[in-house]
Structure formats: C-alpha cells, structure tokens
Amino acid sequence: MAAASGRTLKKIRDDATTVIVNLHLAQKINEAEMNFLLKMLDLVVNQEDNDLLPRLHTWMRQYNESENDTIIKATLLGLDFNDPQAVERTCAIIKELLNN
C-alpha cells in the first residue's frame, strides 16, 4: 500500500509541477512566483514541519490586497527555503504583519 501511495503522491507532485510551470510559460506568474510555488510544493509533499504553512493559511484567510499583503508576498518570494533561520525570520515577519 505504501508503494501505491508513493506513486500517487509522485503523480500529484508531477501534475502540480506541470501546472505551475505552465502558468509561468503562459506568463500568468513570474519566475519568482513559480520558484516559490515549486518550493512550497516540495515543502508540502515532503511534509516538512515548520511554522510557514500555518502562517500562510492565516494570511490567506485575511488577504485583502493591502500593503501588508504586498510586503508578505515580497518577503516570501525572496525566501531562501534552504536557510532555516531565514524561514524562521519570515514566519516572525508574517506573524507581526498579520497582527497589525
């Protein structure tokens, strides 16, 4: 059963990757947005545990195209997912902006 589950997860990941890349090729999202989405996909598929996903869920519930939303988006697009301290700082920034 685990092998079937792994194949299903791989197919979902491959399909999602195709959608993200096609959005970029159709110029619906820019390269930074594409890279961010691909990194987020990896984070979700690999079930990496950090505070980023809950922060993003909270942000999306409050999103209203405000100045804070613009700042959060820019911060996320510049995030180095390979740097745990950068991820932690970004989570703190998002939390602070959402509480204002």
C-alpha atoms as a PDB file:
ATOM      1  CA  MET A   1       0.000   0.000   0.000  1.00  0.00           C
ATOM      2  CA  ALA A   2       2.870   2.388   0.754  1.00  0.00           C
ATOM      3  CA  ALA A   3       4.225   1.912  -2.782  1.00  0.00           C
ATOM      4  CA  ALA A   4       0.838   2.786  -4.302  1.00  0.00           C
ATOM      5  CA  SER A   5       0.608   5.794  -2.018  1.00  0.00           C
ATOM      6  CA  GLY A   6       4.104   6.858  -3.085  1.00  0.00           C
ATOM      7  CA  ARG A   7       3.180   6.566  -6.762  1.00  0.00           C
ATOM      8  CA  THR A   8       0.021   8.599  -6.181  1.00  0.00           C
ATOM      9  CA  LEU A   9       1.981  11.283  -4.363  1.00  0.00           C
ATOM     10  CA  LYS A  10       4.555  11.370  -7.169  1.00  0.00           C
ATOM     11  CA  LYS A  11       1.788  11.756  -9.759  1.00  0.00           C
ATOM     12  CA  ILE A  12       0.186  14.578  -7.779  1.00  0.00           C
ATOM     13  CA  ARG A  13       3.570  16.280  -7.431  1.00  0.00           C
ATOM     14  CA  ASP A  14       4.315  15.865 -11.148  1.00  0.00           C
ATOM     15  CA  ASP A  15       0.873  17.165 -12.137  1.00  0.00           C
ATOM     16  CA  ALA A  16       1.149  20.154  -9.807  1.00  0.00           C
ATOM     17  CA  THR A  17       4.645  20.909 -11.116  1.00  0.00           C
ATOM     18  CA  THR A  18       3.306  20.845 -14.674  1.00  0.00           C
ATOM     19  CA  VAL A  19       0.511  23.262 -13.768  1.00  0.00           C
ATOM     20  CA  ILE A  20       2.937  25.652 -12.060  1.00  0.00           C
ATOM     21  CA  VAL A  21       5.424  25.600 -14.952  1.00  0.00           C
ATOM     22  CA  ASN A  22       2.612  26.065 -17.489  1.00  0.00           C
ATOM     23  CA  LEU A  23       1.359  29.097 -15.557  1.00  0.00           C
ATOM     24  CA  HIS A  24       4.825  30.576 -15.837  1.00  0.00           C
ATOM     25  CA  LEU A  25       5.114  29.752 -19.540  1.00  0.00           C
ATOM     26  CA  ALA A  26       1.715  31.369 -20.126  1.00  0.00           C
ATOM     27  CA  GLN A  27       3.050  34.428 -18.256  1.00  0.00           C
ATOM     28  CA  LYS A  28       0.346  34.162 -15.588  1.00  0.00           C
ATOM     29  CA  ILE A  29       3.028  34.065 -12.888  1.00  0.00           C
ATOM     30  CA  ASN A  30       6.590  35.338 -12.941  1.00  0.00           C
ATOM     31  CA  GLU A  31       9.724  33.272 -12.362  1.00  0.00           C
ATOM     32  CA  ALA A  32       9.984  34.203  -8.682  1.00  0.00           C
ATOM     33  CA  GLU A  33       6.368  33.151  -8.112  1.00  0.00           C
ATOM     34  CA  MET A  34       6.960  29.898  -9.984  1.00  0.00           C
ATOM     35  CA  ASN A  35      10.056  29.118  -7.908  1.00  0.00           C
ATOM     36  CA  PHE A  36       8.196  29.917  -4.695  1.00  0.00           C
ATOM     37  CA  LEU A  37       5.299  27.641  -5.636  1.00  0.00           C
ATOM     38  CA  LEU A  38       7.657  24.815  -6.562  1.00  0.00           C
ATOM     39  CA  LYS A  39       9.450  25.163  -3.217  1.00  0.00           C
ATOM     40  CA  MET A  40       6.114  25.201  -1.383  1.00  0.00           C
ATOM     41  CA  LEU A  41       5.078  22.079  -3.267  1.00  0.00           C
ATOM     42  CA  ASP A  42       8.270  20.367  -2.080  1.00  0.00           C
ATOM     43  CA  LEU A  43       7.598  21.520   1.475  1.00  0.00           C
ATOM     44  CA  VAL A  44       4.079  20.066   1.426  1.00  0.00           C
ATOM     45  CA  VAL A  45       4.950  16.821  -0.365  1.00  0.00           C
ATOM     46  CA  ASN A  46       7.935  16.186   1.893  1.00  0.00           C
ATOM     47  CA  GLN A  47       5.788  17.071   4.917  1.00  0.00           C
ATOM     48  CA  GLU A  48       8.494  19.321   6.288  1.00  0.00           C
ATOM     49  CA  ASP A  49       7.491  20.663   9.666  1.00  0.00           C
ATOM     50  CA  ASN A  50       7.858  24.386  10.181  1.00  0.00           C
ATOM     51  CA  ASP A  51       5.650  27.344  11.021  1.00  0.00           C
ATOM     52  CA  LEU A  52       5.428  28.596   7.446  1.00  0.00           C
ATOM     53  CA  LEU A  53       2.361  26.653   6.297  1.00  0.00           C
ATOM     54  CA  PRO A  54       0.159  27.695   9.244  1.00  0.00           C
ATOM     55  CA  ARG A  55       1.266  31.315   8.705  1.00  0.00           C
ATOM     56  CA  LEU A  56       0.332  31.090   5.030  1.00  0.00           C
ATOM     57  CA  HIS A  57      -3.077  29.648   5.912  1.00  0.00           C
ATOM     58  CA  THR A  58      -3.689  32.536   8.304  1.00  0.00           C
ATOM     59  CA  TRP A  59      -2.511  35.054   5.720  1.00  0.00           C
ATOM     60  CA  MET A  60      -4.785  33.680   3.007  1.00  0.00           C
ATOM     61  CA  ARG A  61      -7.815  33.920   5.306  1.00  0.00           C
ATOM     62  CA  GLN A  62      -7.025  37.616   5.896  1.00  0.00           C
ATOM     63  CA  TYR A  63      -5.751  38.520   2.410  1.00  0.00           C
ATOM     64  CA  ASN A  64      -7.272  41.729   1.029  1.00  0.00           C
ATOM     65  CA  GLU A  65      -4.566  43.177  -1.256  1.00  0.00           C
ATOM     66  CA  SER A  66      -3.355  45.519   1.482  1.00  0.00           C
ATOM     67  CA  GLU A  67       0.120  46.988   1.836  1.00  0.00           C
ATOM     68  CA  ASN A  68       0.907  44.269   4.390  1.00  0.00           C
ATOM     69  CA  ASP A  69      -0.118  41.633   1.837  1.00  0.00           C
ATOM     70  CA  THR A  70       2.297  43.148  -0.674  1.00  0.00           C
ATOM     71  CA  ILE A  71       5.091  43.094   1.919  1.00  0.00           C
ATOM     72  CA  ILE A  72       4.345  39.481   2.858  1.00  0.00           C
ATOM     73  CA  LYS A  73       4.341  38.385  -0.781  1.00  0.00           C
ATOM     74  CA  ALA A  74       7.647  40.140  -1.491  1.00  0.00           C
ATOM     75  CA  THR A  75       9.164  38.609   1.639  1.00  0.00           C
ATOM     76  CA  LEU A  76       8.027  35.126   0.634  1.00  0.00           C
ATOM     77  CA  LEU A  77       9.273  35.443  -2.935  1.00  0.00           C
ATOM     78  CA  GLY A  78      12.741  36.279  -1.653  1.00  0.00           C
ATOM     79  CA  LEU A  79      12.790  33.491   0.925  1.00  0.00           C
ATOM     80  CA  ASP A  80      15.678  31.025   0.905  1.00  0.00           C
ATOM     81  CA  PHE A  81      13.928  27.802   1.884  1.00  0.00           C
ATOM     82  CA  ASN A  82      17.313  26.159   2.484  1.00  0.00           C
ATOM     83  CA  ASP A  83      18.087  28.564   5.330  1.00  0.00           C
ATOM     84  CA  PRO A  84      16.116  27.552   8.460  1.00  0.00           C
ATOM     85  CA  GLN A  85      16.877  30.888  10.120  1.00  0.00           C
ATOM     86  CA  ALA A  86      15.507  32.755   7.095  1.00  0.00           C
ATOM     87  CA  VAL A  87      12.328  30.668   7.237  1.00  0.00           C
ATOM     88  CA  GLU A  88      12.023  31.391  10.961  1.00  0.00           C
ATOM     89  CA  ARG A  89      12.546  35.146  10.413  1.00  0.00           C
ATOM     90  CA  THR A  90       9.994  35.142   7.600  1.00  0.00           C
ATOM     91  CA  CYS A  91       7.442  33.419   9.835  1.00  0.00           C
ATOM     92  CA  ALA A  92       8.040  36.065  12.505  1.00  0.00           C
ATOM     93  CA  ILE A  93       7.620  38.871   9.948  1.00  0.00           C
ATOM     94  CA  ILE A  94       4.371  37.389   8.663  1.00  0.00           C
ATOM     95  CA  LYS A  95       3.056  36.910  12.203  1.00  0.00           C
ATOM     96  CA  GLU A  96       3.876  40.504  13.093  1.00  0.00           C
ATOM     97  CA  LEU A  97       2.288  41.905   9.930  1.00  0.00           C
ATOM     98  CA  LEU A  98      -0.864  39.835  10.414  1.00  0.00           C
ATOM     99  CA  ASN A  99      -1.226  41.053  13.989  1.00  0.00           C
ATOM    100  CA  ASN A 100      -1.123  44.728  12.960  1.00  0.00           C
END
